[in-house]
Amino acid sequence: MDNQITLVQKTTVISASGREEREETLAIEVPYKVALNDKDIGASMVLATGLEEFGAGFLFGQGYVTKPGQVREVLVCPEGRISVHADVEEGVEPKEVIITSGCGGTGKISREMLEGAFDPLQECTISFDEVKRFIREVLQKSPLGPATHCVHGCGLWADGKLQGFYEDVGRHNAVDKVIGAILLGKITARGAIYTTGRLTSDMVLKCARIGIPIILSRTSPSSLGLAIARRAGVTLVGYARPDRLNVFNAPERIVE
């Protein structure tokens, strides 16, 4: 299995003016299993980039890895397996998971994540001017989105610059890759995350549980996504554009 992420497909375009042949670029979905300490936990269809980060972030969403510093090593095997080795309790029984509302039911979170109090967030603020730069950098970071019209982008901004950027065919996976980068110590949670995907309950929940204080989306939150943001004290921004923000909760972290 290689890490090719696109392919070119010939198509026939039919319109009122007739037919024409055209080539289109498609994103390639690849199945990967995720294992924790040599025990298979689950599997997902992913874009084959940022796979180490995805493996760690996937296990966070399932409730097996809970904080930075636990993951010791991630090995991506060519046969389609991501092996994560982490300092977690051995012999843990499978977590009860909730099938989320998005992506055809492929998103899953552990019930433990949904219940209980939230830890304090990694506090920070971001200026309106920074938000404009942040959104533009994420949207311009990769040609894959405009080329395929099939992937979601997700970035994290801290200390005045874009710290990390990931993309995937699934909005859940793109966010998991950012969370995985935090777990692996590659970026900090003390910043703002921006996603091109909608902010349903699981998307907001995972970001809040890892401690990200500011969550922005190109689209909208769901009612439960907003309820979770209010419980956690997260700044939640929908319909984010370089010249306009619709802040659903805690606008004080967006400063002039």
C-alpha atoms as a PDB file:
ATOM      1  CA  MET A   1       0.000   0.000   0.000  1.00  0.00           C
ATOM      2  CA  ASP A   2       1.465   3.358  -1.022  1.00  0.00           C
ATOM      3  CA  ASN A   3       0.640   6.870   0.083  1.00  0.00           C
ATOM      4  CA  GLN A   4      -0.795   8.120  -3.203  1.00  0.00           C
ATOM      5  CA  ILE A   5      -3.605  10.487  -2.284  1.00  0.00           C
ATOM      6  CA  THR A   6      -5.162  11.405  -5.647  1.00  0.00           C
ATOM      7  CA  LEU A   7      -5.950   9.868  -8.998  1.00  0.00           C
ATOM      8  CA  VAL A   8      -7.117  11.307 -12.307  1.00  0.00           C
ATOM      9  CA  GLN A   9     -10.378   9.984 -13.752  1.00  0.00           C
ATOM     10  CA  LYS A  10     -11.792  10.609 -17.236  1.00  0.00           C
ATOM     11  CA  THR A  11     -15.395  11.826 -17.213  1.00  0.00           C
ATOM     12  CA  THR A  12     -18.038  12.784 -19.740  1.00  0.00           C
ATOM     13  CA  VAL A  13     -19.578  16.186 -19.072  1.00  0.00           C
ATOM     14  CA  ILE A  14     -23.131  16.458 -20.402  1.00  0.00           C
ATOM     15  CA  SER A  15     -24.747  19.889 -20.686  1.00  0.00           C
ATOM     16  CA  ALA A  16     -27.232  21.779 -22.839  1.00  0.00           C
ATOM     17  CA  SER A  17     -24.438  22.502 -25.311  1.00  0.00           C
ATOM     18  CA  GLY A  18     -23.532  18.836 -25.745  1.00  0.00           C
ATOM     19  CA  ARG A  19     -20.920  16.428 -24.436  1.00  0.00           C
ATOM     20  CA  GLU A  20     -17.230  16.816 -23.759  1.00  0.00           C
ATOM     21  CA  GLU A  21     -14.514  14.670 -22.233  1.00  0.00           C
ATOM     22  CA  ARG A  22     -12.768  16.009 -19.128  1.00  0.00           C
ATOM     23  CA  GLU A  23     -10.305  14.785 -16.534  1.00  0.00           C
ATOM     24  CA  GLU A  24     -11.123  15.187 -12.838  1.00  0.00           C
ATOM     25  CA  THR A  25      -8.915  14.720  -9.781  1.00  0.00           C
ATOM     26  CA  LEU A  26     -10.266  12.400  -7.098  1.00  0.00           C
ATOM     27  CA  ALA A  27      -9.140  12.016  -3.486  1.00  0.00           C
ATOM     28  CA  ILE A  28      -8.234   8.445  -2.578  1.00  0.00           C
ATOM     29  CA  GLU A  29      -9.815   6.888   0.504  1.00  0.00           C
ATOM     30  CA  VAL A  30      -7.773   4.130   2.133  1.00  0.00           C
ATOM     31  CA  PRO A  31      -8.844   1.778   4.968  1.00  0.00           C
ATOM     32  CA  TYR A  32      -6.563   1.814   8.023  1.00  0.00           C
ATOM     33  CA  LYS A  33      -6.849  -0.193  11.210  1.00  0.00           C
ATOM     34  CA  VAL A  34      -5.754   1.477  14.445  1.00  0.00           C
ATOM     35  CA  ALA A  35      -4.157  -0.609  17.194  1.00  0.00           C
ATOM     36  CA  LEU A  36      -3.217   0.338  20.751  1.00  0.00           C
ATOM     37  CA  ASN A  37      -0.336  -1.619  22.278  1.00  0.00           C
ATOM     38  CA  ASP A  38      -0.803  -4.318  19.601  1.00  0.00           C
ATOM     39  CA  LYS A  39      -4.553  -4.655  20.183  1.00  0.00           C
ATOM     40  CA  ASP A  40      -6.858  -3.639  17.333  1.00  0.00           C
ATOM     41  CA  ILE A  41      -9.250  -0.895  18.427  1.00  0.00           C
ATOM     42  CA  GLY A  42     -11.008   0.215  15.253  1.00  0.00           C
ATOM     43  CA  ALA A  43     -10.690   1.202  11.632  1.00  0.00           C
ATOM     44  CA  SER A  44     -11.496   4.121   9.368  1.00  0.00           C
ATOM     45  CA  MET A  45     -11.345   5.242   5.773  1.00  0.00           C
ATOM     46  CA  VAL A  46      -8.791   8.069   5.594  1.00  0.00           C
ATOM     47  CA  LEU A  47      -6.736  10.213   3.271  1.00  0.00           C
ATOM     48  CA  ALA A  48      -3.249   8.736   3.612  1.00  0.00           C
ATOM     49  CA  THR A  49      -1.559  11.818   5.055  1.00  0.00           C
ATOM     50  CA  GLY A  50      -0.826  12.647   8.698  1.00  0.00           C
ATOM     51  CA  LEU A  51      -1.394   9.013   9.634  1.00  0.00           C
ATOM     52  CA  GLU A  52       0.646   9.089  12.860  1.00  0.00           C
ATOM     53  CA  GLU A  53      -1.412  12.032  14.032  1.00  0.00           C
ATOM     54  CA  PHE A  54      -4.627  10.347  12.938  1.00  0.00           C
ATOM     55  CA  GLY A  55      -3.829   7.188  14.916  1.00  0.00           C
ATOM     56  CA  ALA A  56      -3.265   9.137  18.135  1.00  0.00           C
ATOM     57  CA  GLY A  57      -6.275  11.401  17.572  1.00  0.00           C
ATOM     58  CA  PHE A  58      -8.548   8.460  16.749  1.00  0.00           C
ATOM     59  CA  LEU A  59      -7.671   6.791  20.067  1.00  0.00           C
ATOM     60  CA  PHE A  60      -8.354  10.063  21.891  1.00  0.00           C
ATOM     61  CA  GLY A  61     -11.853  10.195  20.434  1.00  0.00           C
ATOM     62  CA  GLN A  62     -12.436   6.593  21.512  1.00  0.00           C
ATOM     63  CA  GLY A  63     -11.351   7.426  25.071  1.00  0.00           C
ATOM     64  CA  TYR A  64      -8.183   5.275  25.203  1.00  0.00           C
ATOM     65  CA  VAL A  65      -5.581   8.067  25.116  1.00  0.00           C
ATOM     66  CA  THR A  66      -6.481  11.083  27.219  1.00  0.00           C
ATOM     67  CA  LYS A  67      -3.577  13.529  27.342  1.00  0.00           C
ATOM     68  CA  PRO A  68      -0.256  14.557  25.785  1.00  0.00           C
ATOM     69  CA  GLY A  69       2.736  12.540  26.925  1.00  0.00           C
ATOM     70  CA  GLN A  70       0.994   9.161  26.954  1.00  0.00           C
ATOM     71  CA  VAL A  71       1.886   8.199  23.377  1.00  0.00           C
ATOM     72  CA  ARG A  72       5.424   6.801  23.085  1.00  0.00           C
ATOM     73  CA  GLU A  73       5.531   5.666  19.480  1.00  0.00           C
ATOM     74  CA  VAL A  74       3.362   5.428  16.386  1.00  0.00           C
ATOM     75  CA  LEU A  75       4.207   3.032  13.559  1.00  0.00           C
ATOM     76  CA  VAL A  76       2.416   3.191  10.219  1.00  0.00           C
ATOM     77  CA  CYS A  77       2.532  -0.212   8.538  1.00  0.00           C
ATOM     78  CA  PRO A  78       2.361  -0.489   4.736  1.00  0.00           C
ATOM     79  CA  GLU A  79      -0.421  -3.078   4.902  1.00  0.00           C
ATOM     80  CA  GLY A  80      -2.824  -0.509   6.334  1.00  0.00           C
ATOM     81  CA  ARG A  81      -2.317  -0.567  10.099  1.00  0.00           C
ATOM     82  CA  ILE A  82      -1.425   2.244  12.491  1.00  0.00           C
ATOM     83  CA  SER A  83       0.164   0.834  15.653  1.00  0.00           C
ATOM     84  CA  VAL A  84       0.139   3.223  18.608  1.00  0.00           C
ATOM     85  CA  HIS A  85       2.183   2.404  21.695  1.00  0.00           C
ATOM     86  CA  ALA A  86       1.156   4.398  24.738  1.00  0.00           C
ATOM     87  CA  ASP A  87       1.479   4.448  28.497  1.00  0.00           C
ATOM     88  CA  VAL A  88      -2.117   3.591  29.320  1.00  0.00           C
ATOM     89  CA  GLU A  89      -3.768   1.021  31.529  1.00  0.00           C
ATOM     90  CA  GLU A  90      -3.392  -2.498  30.165  1.00  0.00           C
ATOM     91  CA  GLY A  91      -6.332  -4.814  29.649  1.00  0.00           C
ATOM     92  CA  VAL A  92      -8.872  -2.017  29.305  1.00  0.00           C
ATOM     93  CA  GLU A  93     -12.242  -3.274  28.116  1.00  0.00           C
ATOM     94  CA  PRO A  94     -13.665  -1.822  24.881  1.00  0.00           C
ATOM     95  CA  LYS A  95     -15.229   1.576  25.454  1.00  0.00           C
ATOM     96  CA  GLU A  96     -18.922   2.174  24.980  1.00  0.00           C
ATOM     97  CA  VAL A  97     -19.166   4.425  21.958  1.00  0.00           C
ATOM     98  CA  ILE A  98     -21.834   6.691  20.538  1.00  0.00           C
ATOM     99  CA  ILE A  99     -22.376   6.827  16.775  1.00  0.00           C
ATOM    100  CA  THR A 100     -22.396  10.510  15.872  1.00  0.00           C
ATOM    101  CA  SER A 101     -24.625  12.362  13.453  1.00  0.00           C
ATOM    102  CA  GLY A 102     -22.145  13.048  10.665  1.00  0.00           C
ATOM    103  CA  CYS A 103     -20.444  11.304   7.766  1.00  0.00           C
ATOM    104  CA  GLY A 104     -22.894   8.441   7.426  1.00  0.00           C
ATOM    105  CA  GLY A 105     -22.453   7.313  11.022  1.00  0.00           C
ATOM    106  CA  THR A 106     -18.705   6.800  10.723  1.00  0.00           C
ATOM    107  CA  GLY A 107     -17.916   9.238  13.534  1.00  0.00           C
ATOM    108  CA  LYS A 108     -17.707   7.680  16.985  1.00  0.00           C
ATOM    109  CA  ILE A 109     -16.905   9.005  20.444  1.00  0.00           C
ATOM    110  CA  SER A 110     -16.743   7.266  23.795  1.00  0.00           C
ATOM    111  CA  ARG A 111     -19.638   7.883  26.157  1.00  0.00           C
ATOM    112  CA  GLU A 112     -17.082   8.862  28.810  1.00  0.00           C
ATOM    113  CA  MET A 113     -16.131  11.921  26.741  1.00  0.00           C
ATOM    114  CA  LEU A 114     -19.703  13.174  26.686  1.00  0.00           C
ATOM    115  CA  GLU A 115     -20.291  12.914  30.420  1.00  0.00           C
ATOM    116  CA  GLY A 116     -18.643  14.616  33.374  1.00  0.00           C
ATOM    117  CA  ALA A 117     -17.047  17.979  34.064  1.00  0.00           C
ATOM    118  CA  PHE A 118     -14.523  19.601  31.739  1.00  0.00           C
ATOM    119  CA  ASP A 119     -10.944  20.362  32.697  1.00  0.00           C
ATOM    120  CA  PRO A 120      -9.822  24.002  32.418  1.00  0.00           C
ATOM    121  CA  LEU A 121      -9.061  25.116  28.883  1.00  0.00           C
ATOM    122  CA  GLN A 122      -5.661  26.309  27.651  1.00  0.00           C
ATOM    123  CA  GLU A 123      -6.551  30.003  27.838  1.00  0.00           C
ATOM    124  CA  CYS A 124      -5.648  32.458  25.073  1.00  0.00           C
ATOM    125  CA  THR A 125      -7.119  35.187  22.894  1.00  0.00           C
ATOM    126  CA  ILE A 126      -6.927  35.873  19.172  1.00  0.00           C
ATOM    127  CA  SER A 127      -7.323  39.181  17.373  1.00  0.00           C
ATOM    128  CA  PHE A 128      -9.790  39.723  14.572  1.00  0.00           C
ATOM    129  CA  ASP A 129      -6.868  40.469  12.259  1.00  0.00           C
ATOM    130  CA  GLU A 130      -5.224  37.157  13.201  1.00  0.00           C
ATOM    131  CA  VAL A 131      -8.457  35.305  12.484  1.00  0.00           C
ATOM    132  CA  LYS A 132      -8.493  36.775   8.971  1.00  0.00           C
ATOM    133  CA  ARG A 133      -4.936  35.602   8.352  1.00  0.00           C
ATOM    134  CA  PHE A 134      -5.656  32.220   9.931  1.00  0.00           C
ATOM    135  CA  ILE A 135      -8.660  31.461   7.717  1.00  0.00           C
ATOM    136  CA  ARG A 136      -6.906  32.565   4.553  1.00  0.00           C
ATOM    137  CA  GLU A 137      -3.814  30.495   5.302  1.00  0.00           C
ATOM    138  CA  VAL A 138      -5.861  27.352   5.958  1.00  0.00           C
ATOM    139  CA  LEU A 139      -7.920  27.763   2.788  1.00  0.00           C
ATOM    140  CA  GLN A 140      -4.793  28.422   0.697  1.00  0.00           C
ATOM    141  CA  LYS A 141      -2.555  25.827   2.338  1.00  0.00           C
ATOM    142  CA  SER A 142      -3.196  22.938  -0.042  1.00  0.00           C
ATOM    143  CA  PRO A 143      -4.302  22.671  -3.669  1.00  0.00           C
ATOM    144  CA  LEU A 144      -6.059  19.391  -2.839  1.00  0.00           C
ATOM    145  CA  GLY A 145      -9.332  21.021  -1.800  1.00  0.00           C
ATOM    146  CA  PRO A 146      -9.849  23.084  -4.965  1.00  0.00           C
ATOM    147  CA  ALA A 147      -8.579  20.212  -7.117  1.00  0.00           C
ATOM    148  CA  THR A 148     -10.885  17.511  -5.714  1.00  0.00           C
ATOM    149  CA  HIS A 149     -13.743  19.415  -3.995  1.00  0.00           C
ATOM    150  CA  CYS A 150     -13.734  16.369  -1.719  1.00  0.00           C
ATOM    151  CA  VAL A 151     -11.590  17.091   1.340  1.00  0.00           C
ATOM    152  CA  HIS A 152     -11.865  19.066   4.562  1.00  0.00           C
ATOM    153  CA  GLY A 153      -9.035  21.197   5.890  1.00  0.00           C
ATOM    154  CA  CYS A 154      -8.276  21.872   9.543  1.00  0.00           C
ATOM    155  CA  GLY A 155      -5.595  24.066  11.092  1.00  0.00           C
ATOM    156  CA  LEU A 156      -4.422  25.272  14.471  1.00  0.00           C
ATOM    157  CA  TRP A 157      -3.238  28.831  15.078  1.00  0.00           C
ATOM    158  CA  ALA A 158      -1.131  29.853  18.081  1.00  0.00           C
ATOM    159  CA  ASP A 159       1.453  32.523  18.887  1.00  0.00           C
ATOM    160  CA  GLY A 160       0.594  34.527  15.792  1.00  0.00           C
ATOM    161  CA  LYS A 161       1.038  31.829  13.155  1.00  0.00           C
ATOM    162  CA  LEU A 162      -0.367  28.637  11.681  1.00  0.00           C
ATOM    163  CA  GLN A 163       1.159  25.842  13.755  1.00  0.00           C
ATOM    164  CA  GLY A 164      -0.321  22.836  11.987  1.00  0.00           C
ATOM    165  CA  PHE A 165      -2.553  21.956   9.056  1.00  0.00           C
ATOM    166  CA  TYR A 166      -4.192  18.655   8.108  1.00  0.00           C
ATOM    167  CA  GLU A 167      -6.796  17.509   5.636  1.00  0.00           C
ATOM    168  CA  ASP A 168      -8.927  14.458   4.995  1.00  0.00           C
ATOM    169  CA  VAL A 169     -11.988  13.268   3.139  1.00  0.00           C
ATOM    170  CA  GLY A 170     -13.750  13.204   6.521  1.00  0.00           C
ATOM    171  CA  ARG A 171     -14.134  16.307   8.683  1.00  0.00           C
ATOM    172  CA  HIS A 172     -13.839  14.097  11.789  1.00  0.00           C
ATOM    173  CA  ASN A 173     -10.531  12.690  10.562  1.00  0.00           C
ATOM    174  CA  ALA A 174      -9.084  16.125   9.812  1.00  0.00           C
ATOM    175  CA  VAL A 175      -9.846  17.269  13.360  1.00  0.00           C
ATOM    176  CA  ASP A 176      -8.489  14.001  14.778  1.00  0.00           C
ATOM    177  CA  LYS A 177      -5.197  14.657  12.993  1.00  0.00           C
ATOM    178  CA  VAL A 178      -4.869  18.067  14.672  1.00  0.00           C
ATOM    179  CA  ILE A 179      -5.710  16.527  18.049  1.00  0.00           C
ATOM    180  CA  GLY A 180      -3.181  13.772  17.375  1.00  0.00           C
ATOM    181  CA  ALA A 181      -0.512  16.392  16.679  1.00  0.00           C
ATOM    182  CA  ILE A 182      -1.273  17.908  20.094  1.00  0.00           C
ATOM    183  CA  LEU A 183      -1.014  14.490  21.760  1.00  0.00           C
ATOM    184  CA  LEU A 184       2.332  13.875  20.032  1.00  0.00           C
ATOM    185  CA  GLY A 185       3.694  17.218  21.241  1.00  0.00           C
ATOM    186  CA  LYS A 186       3.988  18.686  17.750  1.00  0.00           C
ATOM    187  CA  ILE A 187       1.646  21.613  18.409  1.00  0.00           C
ATOM    188  CA  THR A 188      -0.040  23.214  21.406  1.00  0.00           C
ATOM    189  CA  ALA A 189      -3.686  23.190  22.437  1.00  0.00           C
ATOM    190  CA  ARG A 190      -3.306  26.796  23.581  1.00  0.00           C
ATOM    191  CA  GLY A 191      -4.689  28.324  20.401  1.00  0.00           C
ATOM    192  CA  ALA A 192      -7.563  28.372  17.942  1.00  0.00           C
ATOM    193  CA  ILE A 193      -8.712  25.587  15.637  1.00  0.00           C
ATOM    194  CA  TYR A 194     -10.446  26.208  12.310  1.00  0.00           C
ATOM    195  CA  THR A 195     -12.260  23.545  10.325  1.00  0.00           C
ATOM    196  CA  THR A 196     -14.110  23.607   7.035  1.00  0.00           C
ATOM    197  CA  GLY A 197     -16.568  21.071   8.476  1.00  0.00           C
ATOM    198  CA  ARG A 198     -19.682  21.694  10.536  1.00  0.00           C
ATOM    199  CA  LEU A 199     -19.404  21.670  14.328  1.00  0.00           C
ATOM    200  CA  THR A 200     -21.534  18.793  15.530  1.00  0.00           C
ATOM    201  CA  SER A 201     -21.384  17.533  19.106  1.00  0.00           C
ATOM    202  CA  ASP A 202     -18.399  15.211  18.678  1.00  0.00           C
ATOM    203  CA  MET A 203     -16.308  17.797  16.840  1.00  0.00           C
ATOM    204  CA  VAL A 204     -16.765  20.370  19.614  1.00  0.00           C
ATOM    205  CA  LEU A 205     -16.431  17.756  22.340  1.00  0.00           C
ATOM    206  CA  LYS A 206     -13.044  16.424  21.217  1.00  0.00           C
ATOM    207  CA  CYS A 207     -11.608  19.927  20.828  1.00  0.00           C
ATOM    208  CA  ALA A 208     -12.886  20.957  24.272  1.00  0.00           C
ATOM    209  CA  ARG A 209     -11.609  17.776  25.951  1.00  0.00           C
ATOM    210  CA  ILE A 210      -8.086  18.333  24.592  1.00  0.00           C
ATOM    211  CA  GLY A 211      -8.242  21.916  25.938  1.00  0.00           C
ATOM    212  CA  ILE A 212      -8.565  24.070  22.787  1.00  0.00           C
ATOM    213  CA  PRO A 213     -10.312  27.303  23.875  1.00  0.00           C
ATOM    214  CA  ILE A 214     -11.342  28.725  20.469  1.00  0.00           C
ATOM    215  CA  ILE A 215     -13.149  26.701  17.788  1.00  0.00           C
ATOM    216  CA  LEU A 216     -14.004  28.191  14.400  1.00  0.00           C
ATOM    217  CA  SER A 217     -15.815  26.702  11.420  1.00  0.00           C
ATOM    218  CA  ARG A 218     -16.603  27.740   7.879  1.00  0.00           C
ATOM    219  CA  THR A 219     -20.096  26.360   8.471  1.00  0.00           C
ATOM    220  CA  SER A 220     -22.443  26.064  11.444  1.00  0.00           C
ATOM    221  CA  PRO A 221     -22.645  24.329  14.832  1.00  0.00           C
ATOM    222  CA  SER A 222     -25.447  21.998  15.787  1.00  0.00           C
ATOM    223  CA  SER A 223     -27.583  22.666  18.862  1.00  0.00           C
ATOM    224  CA  LEU A 224     -25.717  20.016  20.880  1.00  0.00           C
ATOM    225  CA  GLY A 225     -22.387  21.314  19.634  1.00  0.00           C
ATOM    226  CA  LEU A 226     -23.339  24.714  21.045  1.00  0.00           C
ATOM    227  CA  ALA A 227     -24.572  23.183  24.309  1.00  0.00           C
ATOM    228  CA  ILE A 228     -21.220  21.428  24.785  1.00  0.00           C
ATOM    229  CA  ALA A 229     -19.334  24.651  24.022  1.00  0.00           C
ATOM    230  CA  ARG A 230     -21.341  26.404  26.728  1.00  0.00           C
ATOM    231  CA  ARG A 231     -20.662  23.621  29.240  1.00  0.00           C
ATOM    232  CA  ALA A 232     -16.937  23.729  28.525  1.00  0.00           C
ATOM    233  CA  GLY A 233     -16.670  27.523  28.212  1.00  0.00           C
ATOM    234  CA  VAL A 234     -15.332  27.298  24.655  1.00  0.00           C
ATOM    235  CA  THR A 235     -15.445  30.226  22.241  1.00  0.00           C
ATOM    236  CA  LEU A 236     -17.529  28.848  19.359  1.00  0.00           C
ATOM    237  CA  VAL A 237     -17.544  30.605  15.987  1.00  0.00           C
ATOM    238  CA  GLY A 238     -19.645  29.620  12.998  1.00  0.00           C
ATOM    239  CA  TYR A 239     -19.801  30.925   9.422  1.00  0.00           C
ATOM    240  CA  ALA A 240     -16.248  32.201   9.872  1.00  0.00           C
ATOM    241  CA  ARG A 241     -15.047  34.381   7.012  1.00  0.00           C
ATOM    242  CA  PRO A 242     -12.002  36.668   6.797  1.00  0.00           C
ATOM    243  CA  ASP A 243     -14.259  39.711   7.168  1.00  0.00           C
ATOM    244  CA  ARG A 244     -17.013  38.331   9.414  1.00  0.00           C
ATOM    245  CA  LEU A 245     -17.476  36.031  12.402  1.00  0.00           C
ATOM    246  CA  ASN A 246     -20.674  34.739  13.972  1.00  0.00           C
ATOM    247  CA  VAL A 247     -19.722  34.015  17.596  1.00  0.00           C
ATOM    248  CA  PHE A 248     -22.196  31.661  19.293  1.00  0.00           C
ATOM    249  CA  ASN A 249     -20.436  31.525  22.666  1.00  0.00           C
ATOM    250  CA  ALA A 250     -17.758  33.360  24.685  1.00  0.00           C
ATOM    251  CA  PRO A 251     -16.903  36.205  22.289  1.00  0.00           C
ATOM    252  CA  GLU A 252     -14.458  37.749  24.780  1.00  0.00           C
ATOM    253  CA  ARG A 253     -11.563  35.675  23.407  1.00  0.00           C
ATOM    254  CA  ILE A 254     -11.868  37.456  20.040  1.00  0.00           C
ATOM    255  CA  VAL A 255     -10.173  40.805  20.634  1.00  0.00           C
ATOM    256  CA  GLU A 256      -9.810  43.935  18.509  1.00  0.00           C
END
